[in-house]
Amino acid sequence: MAISAQEVKQLKELTNCGMMDCKRALEETNGDMDAAIKYLREKGLAKATKKAGRIAAEGLVFTKINKEKGIGVVVEVNSETDFAAKSDRFIEFVEQVADTILENDVNDVEALKECNAFGSNEKLADVLIEKIATISENIQIRRFAKLQGDLFSYVHDGGGSIIGTIIKLESDDSADPAVAECAKNLLLQITASGPQYVCRDDVPQSAIDEERDTQMGVVKNENEAKPKPQNVLEKIVEGRLRKFLEEICLLDQPYVKDPDVTVAKYIESVGKNIKIVKFVRYEKGEGIQKKEDNFADEVASMINN
């Protein structure tokens, strides 16, 4: 089947592999993007372990917690340029979006747009249109997550990257300074290391099976010249699977301030019966591609060969 320049570009963004390798992978997998990523990983070419695109879109990630009501939100609103994202008008709109979420029982962006904007008689959708007109850029409310309980949040803004994290804890006393300090350190951990789950029990079996299958393909390729017995390969794969789970599960990660202990051990050392119930981490623009520019033109001739 014919492979388009856009498909090659997308796979390159996802894996950081060379264009010819991406084209070959797509040809070998009949254009199946997930299968192509797996193909590249098995060949030892793909460096990414998560199917996330290069961070490209501009905008803000913002968090807000209403302690009295015990609710909080993390929201991402995108703009075309960093210049617009830093304007007072844009920042005020993002805060208004967060307040609107906190004031309404909504679970998705489309439902949110139908609500009256916080402090206004207009629907949020109409306020959004007004902001697009006055700021002169396309603005999108991309996503949000709303949590309820004992919440803590943190926003990192540095080096062009904006990451917002909110975490829900259970403990003997959420007002205890030790709990607040622990929450702060956990937020820094999540922001820095980007775990996907709280613990191993949260990881879908399908994800574990897929990783095991992928790693088996990797070790078979690595030992193709001098094949090892199947039981040896399986031991290697299980070791890599343990490392994979340590990377994606927060409690199993080395604690950033003391890598000799895990996050779970750190929490245990604090006491107060602290338990992580849930966390959400948004990174500005993750998985969104910027404008095409002339990349497609640059590889079009290669694709057509």
Protein backbone atom coordinates (compact mmCIF):
# COMPACT_ATOMS: atom_id res chain seq x y z
CA MET A 1 0.00 0.00 0.00
CA ALA A 2 1.08 3.60 -0.57
CA ILE A 3 2.54 5.31 2.49
CA SER A 4 2.01 9.07 2.72
CA ALA A 5 4.52 11.67 3.81
CA GLN A 6 2.23 12.62 6.68
CA GLU A 7 2.25 9.03 8.00
CA VAL A 8 6.04 8.95 7.89
CA LYS A 9 6.20 12.29 9.68
CA GLN A 10 3.81 11.12 12.38
CA LEU A 11 5.79 7.93 13.01
CA LYS A 12 9.03 9.93 13.13
CA GLU A 13 7.46 12.27 15.71
CA LEU A 14 6.34 9.29 17.81
CA THR A 15 9.59 7.31 17.73
CA ASN A 16 12.43 9.71 16.89
CA CYS A 17 13.60 7.25 14.22
CA GLY A 18 14.96 8.07 10.78
CA MET A 19 12.58 8.74 7.92
CA MET A 20 13.63 5.70 5.89
CA ASP A 21 13.26 3.45 8.93
CA CYS A 22 9.78 4.86 9.52
CA LYS A 23 8.79 4.38 5.90
CA ARG A 24 10.05 0.78 5.94
CA ALA A 25 8.21 0.04 9.20
CA LEU A 26 4.94 1.36 7.79
CA GLU A 27 5.39 -0.66 4.61
CA GLU A 28 6.08 -3.82 6.63
CA THR A 29 2.95 -3.29 8.74
CA ASN A 30 0.59 -2.11 5.97
CA GLY A 31 0.37 1.37 7.44
CA ASP A 32 -0.69 0.26 10.95
CA MET A 33 0.84 2.96 13.19
CA ASP A 34 0.82 0.94 16.43
CA ALA A 35 2.27 -2.10 14.67
CA ALA A 36 4.93 0.10 13.06
CA ILE A 37 5.96 1.48 16.45
CA LYS A 38 6.23 -2.08 17.77
CA TYR A 39 8.22 -3.10 14.68
CA LEU A 40 10.74 -0.30 15.26
CA ARG A 41 11.06 -1.14 18.95
CA GLU A 42 11.71 -4.78 18.16
CA LYS A 43 14.41 -3.73 15.73
CA GLY A 44 15.99 -1.63 18.48
CA LEU A 45 15.41 1.60 16.56
CA ALA A 46 12.63 3.34 18.49
CA LYS A 47 13.74 5.22 21.58
CA ALA A 48 10.29 6.12 22.86
CA THR A 49 8.47 3.75 25.21
CA LYS A 50 5.25 5.71 25.20
CA LYS A 51 3.20 6.64 22.16
CA ALA A 52 3.35 10.38 22.76
CA GLY A 53 4.11 12.96 20.11
CA ARG A 54 6.62 15.74 20.36
CA ILE A 55 5.37 18.64 22.47
CA ALA A 56 4.42 21.31 19.97
CA ALA A 57 1.24 23.27 20.77
CA GLU A 58 1.36 26.47 22.79
CA GLY A 59 -0.95 27.56 25.59
CA LEU A 60 -1.26 26.96 29.31
CA VAL A 61 -1.80 24.18 31.79
CA PHE A 62 -3.51 25.54 34.90
CA THR A 63 -4.60 24.04 38.22
CA LYS A 64 -7.01 25.35 40.83
CA ILE A 65 -8.36 23.87 44.06
CA ASN A 66 -11.37 25.00 46.07
CA LYS A 67 -10.41 23.79 49.54
CA GLU A 68 -13.80 24.61 51.05
CA LYS A 69 -15.64 22.41 48.57
CA GLY A 70 -12.85 19.86 48.32
CA ILE A 71 -12.73 19.97 44.53
CA GLY A 72 -9.95 20.80 42.13
CA VAL A 73 -9.18 20.91 38.43
CA VAL A 74 -6.27 20.72 36.02
CA VAL A 75 -7.03 22.14 32.57
CA GLU A 76 -5.16 22.70 29.33
CA VAL A 77 -6.08 25.51 26.94
CA ASN A 78 -4.10 25.86 23.72
CA SER A 79 -3.18 28.84 21.57
CA GLU A 80 -1.18 29.18 18.36
CA THR A 81 1.74 31.12 19.83
CA ASP A 82 3.59 31.43 23.08
CA PHE A 83 3.20 35.20 22.81
CA ALA A 84 -0.60 34.90 22.99
CA ALA A 85 -0.41 32.37 25.83
CA LYS A 86 1.45 34.90 27.98
CA SER A 87 -1.05 37.71 27.41
CA ASP A 88 -3.27 38.83 30.27
CA ARG A 89 -6.40 38.21 28.21
CA PHE A 90 -5.47 34.59 27.59
CA ILE A 91 -4.44 33.92 31.20
CA GLU A 92 -7.68 35.46 32.49
CA PHE A 93 -9.67 33.26 30.11
CA VAL A 94 -7.88 30.10 31.29
CA GLU A 95 -8.70 30.99 34.90
CA GLN A 96 -12.31 31.62 33.90
CA VAL A 97 -12.42 28.17 32.27
CA ALA A 98 -11.07 26.58 35.48
CA ASP A 99 -13.65 28.41 37.61
CA THR A 100 -16.44 27.35 35.24
CA ILE A 101 -15.38 23.71 35.60
CA LEU A 102 -15.36 24.00 39.39
CA GLU A 103 -18.85 25.51 39.41
CA ASN A 104 -20.49 22.93 37.14
CA ASP A 105 -21.01 19.19 37.10
CA VAL A 106 -19.45 18.44 33.71
CA ASN A 107 -17.20 15.68 32.44
CA ASP A 108 -16.16 16.74 28.94
CA VAL A 109 -15.24 19.85 26.99
CA GLU A 110 -18.37 19.99 24.85
CA ALA A 111 -20.63 19.92 27.91
CA LEU A 112 -18.44 22.55 29.55
CA LYS A 113 -18.87 24.93 26.61
CA GLU A 114 -22.63 24.85 27.09
CA CYS A 115 -22.32 26.13 30.68
CA ASN A 116 -22.47 29.81 31.55
CA ALA A 117 -18.95 31.11 31.86
CA PHE A 118 -17.96 31.92 35.44
CA GLY A 119 -18.91 35.51 36.25
CA SER A 120 -20.87 35.90 33.01
CA ASN A 121 -24.35 35.35 31.58
CA GLU A 122 -22.84 34.10 28.32
CA LYS A 123 -22.12 30.50 27.48
CA LEU A 124 -18.46 29.58 27.67
CA ALA A 125 -18.60 28.69 23.96
CA ASP A 126 -19.55 32.30 23.17
CA VAL A 127 -16.84 33.70 25.42
CA LEU A 128 -14.36 31.44 23.63
CA ILE A 129 -15.42 32.83 20.25
CA GLU A 130 -14.97 36.35 21.62
CA LYS A 131 -11.46 35.54 22.85
CA ILE A 132 -10.51 34.07 19.49
CA ALA A 133 -11.63 37.32 17.86
CA THR A 134 -9.89 39.66 20.31
CA ILE A 135 -6.64 37.69 20.66
CA SER A 136 -6.64 36.92 16.90
CA GLU A 137 -5.56 33.32 17.33
CA ASN A 138 -7.22 29.95 17.30
CA ILE A 139 -7.85 28.97 20.94
CA GLN A 140 -8.97 25.52 22.03
CA ILE A 141 -10.06 24.17 25.41
CA ARG A 142 -8.33 20.85 24.97
CA ARG A 143 -8.96 18.82 28.13
CA PHE A 144 -9.54 18.90 31.86
CA ALA A 145 -9.72 16.60 34.85
CA LYS A 146 -11.76 17.29 37.97
CA LEU A 147 -11.04 15.59 41.29
CA GLN A 148 -12.72 15.64 44.68
CA GLY A 149 -11.19 15.00 48.10
CA ASP A 150 -7.96 16.02 49.82
CA LEU A 151 -6.18 17.63 46.89
CA PHE A 152 -2.82 19.24 46.21
CA SER A 153 -1.48 20.69 42.97
CA TYR A 154 1.64 22.06 41.34
CA VAL A 155 2.46 23.77 38.03
CA HIS A 156 5.97 23.72 36.60
CA ASP A 157 6.78 26.43 34.06
CA GLY A 158 10.31 26.34 32.74
CA GLY A 159 12.28 25.87 29.56
CA GLY A 160 9.18 26.26 27.42
CA SER A 161 7.49 23.34 29.15
CA ILE A 162 4.41 23.78 31.32
CA ILE A 163 3.32 20.77 33.36
CA GLY A 164 0.35 20.80 35.71
CA THR A 165 -0.20 18.02 38.24
CA ILE A 166 -2.97 17.43 40.75
CA ILE A 167 -3.00 14.63 43.31
CA LYS A 168 -5.61 13.17 45.64
CA LEU A 169 -4.40 11.73 48.95
CA GLU A 170 -5.93 9.98 51.90
CA SER A 171 -4.25 10.35 55.29
CA ASP A 172 -4.82 10.66 59.03
CA ASP A 173 -4.85 14.46 58.74
CA SER A 174 -4.60 16.33 55.44
CA ALA A 175 -3.93 19.58 57.34
CA ASP A 176 -0.80 18.16 58.97
CA PRO A 177 2.32 19.97 57.62
CA ALA A 178 4.03 16.59 57.12
CA VAL A 179 1.24 15.51 54.77
CA ALA A 180 1.43 18.78 52.84
CA GLU A 181 5.21 18.40 52.52
CA CYS A 182 4.81 14.82 51.33
CA ALA A 183 2.22 15.93 48.77
CA LYS A 184 4.59 18.61 47.50
CA ASN A 185 7.38 16.07 47.04
CA LEU A 186 5.06 13.63 45.30
CA LEU A 187 3.91 16.36 42.91
CA LEU A 188 7.54 17.14 42.08
CA GLN A 189 8.19 13.43 41.53
CA ILE A 190 5.23 13.05 39.17
CA THR A 191 6.11 16.23 37.29
CA ALA A 192 9.72 15.17 36.80
CA SER A 193 9.31 11.48 36.03
CA GLY A 194 5.91 11.27 34.35
CA PRO A 195 4.53 7.99 35.75
CA GLN A 196 1.36 6.64 34.19
CA TYR A 197 -0.09 4.71 37.14
CA VAL A 198 -0.04 4.80 40.93
CA CYS A 199 0.88 1.13 41.40
CA ARG A 200 1.22 -2.13 39.48
CA ASP A 201 -2.34 -3.16 40.24
CA ASP A 202 -3.51 -0.20 38.15
CA VAL A 203 -1.66 -1.30 35.01
CA PRO A 204 -3.99 -3.04 32.52
CA GLN A 205 -2.99 -6.63 31.85
CA SER A 206 -3.19 -5.85 28.13
CA ALA A 207 -0.40 -3.26 28.53
CA ILE A 208 1.78 -5.75 30.39
CA ASP A 209 1.15 -8.46 27.78
CA GLU A 210 1.95 -6.05 24.95
CA GLU A 211 5.22 -5.00 26.58
CA ARG A 212 6.19 -8.62 27.26
CA ASP A 213 5.51 -9.50 23.62
CA THR A 214 7.49 -6.50 22.40
CA GLN A 215 10.47 -7.26 24.62
CA MET A 216 10.48 -10.88 23.46
CA GLY A 217 10.80 -9.59 19.91
CA VAL A 218 13.64 -7.30 21.01
CA VAL A 219 15.67 -10.02 22.77
CA LYS A 220 15.19 -12.44 19.89
CA ASN A 221 16.60 -9.85 17.51
CA GLU A 222 19.47 -9.09 19.88
CA ASN A 223 20.40 -12.77 20.10
CA GLU A 224 19.70 -13.70 16.48
CA ALA A 225 23.36 -14.39 15.67
CA LYS A 226 23.76 -16.73 18.65
CA PRO A 227 20.30 -17.85 19.80
CA LYS A 228 19.72 -18.52 23.50
CA PRO A 229 17.30 -21.12 24.90
CA GLN A 230 13.68 -19.97 25.25
CA ASN A 231 13.78 -20.13 29.06
CA VAL A 232 16.79 -17.81 29.10
CA LEU A 233 15.04 -15.35 26.80
CA GLU A 234 11.99 -15.42 29.05
CA LYS A 235 14.11 -14.55 32.11
CA ILE A 236 15.63 -11.60 30.25
CA VAL A 237 12.17 -10.43 29.23
CA GLU A 238 10.82 -10.70 32.78
CA GLY A 239 13.72 -8.58 34.03
CA ARG A 240 12.98 -5.91 31.46
CA LEU A 241 9.29 -6.09 32.29
CA ARG A 242 10.07 -5.37 35.95
CA LYS A 243 12.09 -2.34 34.89
CA PHE A 244 9.23 -1.21 32.63
CA LEU A 245 6.76 -1.38 35.53
CA GLU A 246 9.18 0.49 37.82
CA GLU A 247 9.30 3.31 35.28
CA ILE A 248 5.54 3.70 34.77
CA CYS A 249 4.32 3.05 38.34
CA LEU A 250 4.78 5.93 40.77
CA LEU A 251 5.18 3.85 43.93
CA ASP A 252 7.91 1.71 42.33
CA GLN A 253 9.99 4.62 41.03
CA PRO A 254 13.22 5.65 42.77
CA TYR A 255 12.40 8.69 44.89
CA VAL A 256 13.95 11.74 43.19
CA LYS A 257 15.36 13.21 46.42
CA ASP A 258 16.82 9.87 47.55
CA PRO A 259 17.18 7.35 44.70
CA ASP A 260 18.19 4.65 47.17
CA VAL A 261 14.56 4.29 48.25
CA THR A 262 11.34 3.93 46.28
CA VAL A 263 8.49 6.41 46.41
CA ALA A 264 6.51 3.83 48.39
CA LYS A 265 9.28 3.64 51.02
CA TYR A 266 9.47 7.44 51.19
CA ILE A 267 5.71 7.70 51.85
CA GLU A 268 5.99 5.01 54.51
CA SER A 269 8.78 6.96 56.24
CA VAL A 270 6.53 10.05 56.52
CA GLY A 271 3.85 8.12 58.43
CA LYS A 272 0.32 9.58 58.77
CA ASN A 273 -1.09 6.61 56.79
CA ILE A 274 -0.72 8.51 53.53
CA LYS A 275 -2.23 6.84 50.47
CA ILE A 276 -2.18 8.07 46.89
CA VAL A 277 -5.68 7.69 45.49
CA LYS A 278 -5.20 9.32 42.09
CA PHE A 279 -3.10 11.81 40.18
CA VAL A 280 -3.40 13.61 36.85
CA ARG A 281 -0.43 15.09 34.98
CA TYR A 282 -0.87 17.30 31.92
CA GLU A 283 2.02 18.56 29.85
CA LYS A 284 1.35 21.47 27.54
CA GLY A 285 0.86 20.34 23.97
CA GLU A 286 1.81 16.69 24.46
CA GLY A 287 0.74 14.66 21.47
CA ILE A 288 -0.16 17.72 19.37
CA GLN A 289 1.76 18.49 16.22
CA LYS A 290 2.62 21.97 15.04
CA LYS A 291 1.98 23.22 11.53
CA GLU A 292 3.24 21.02 8.73
CA ASP A 293 5.61 23.68 7.37
CA ASN A 294 7.41 22.06 4.42
CA PHE A 295 8.28 18.72 5.99
CA ALA A 296 5.92 16.79 3.72
CA ASP A 297 7.49 18.37 0.65
CA GLU A 298 10.93 17.38 1.90
CA VAL A 299 10.06 13.69 2.08
CA ALA A 300 7.49 13.44 -0.72
CA SER A 301 10.03 12.41 -3.31
CA MET A 302 11.39 9.70 -1.00
CA ILE A 303 7.88 8.32 -0.43
CA ASN A 304 7.15 8.16 -4.13
CA ASN A 305 10.34 6.29 -4.97
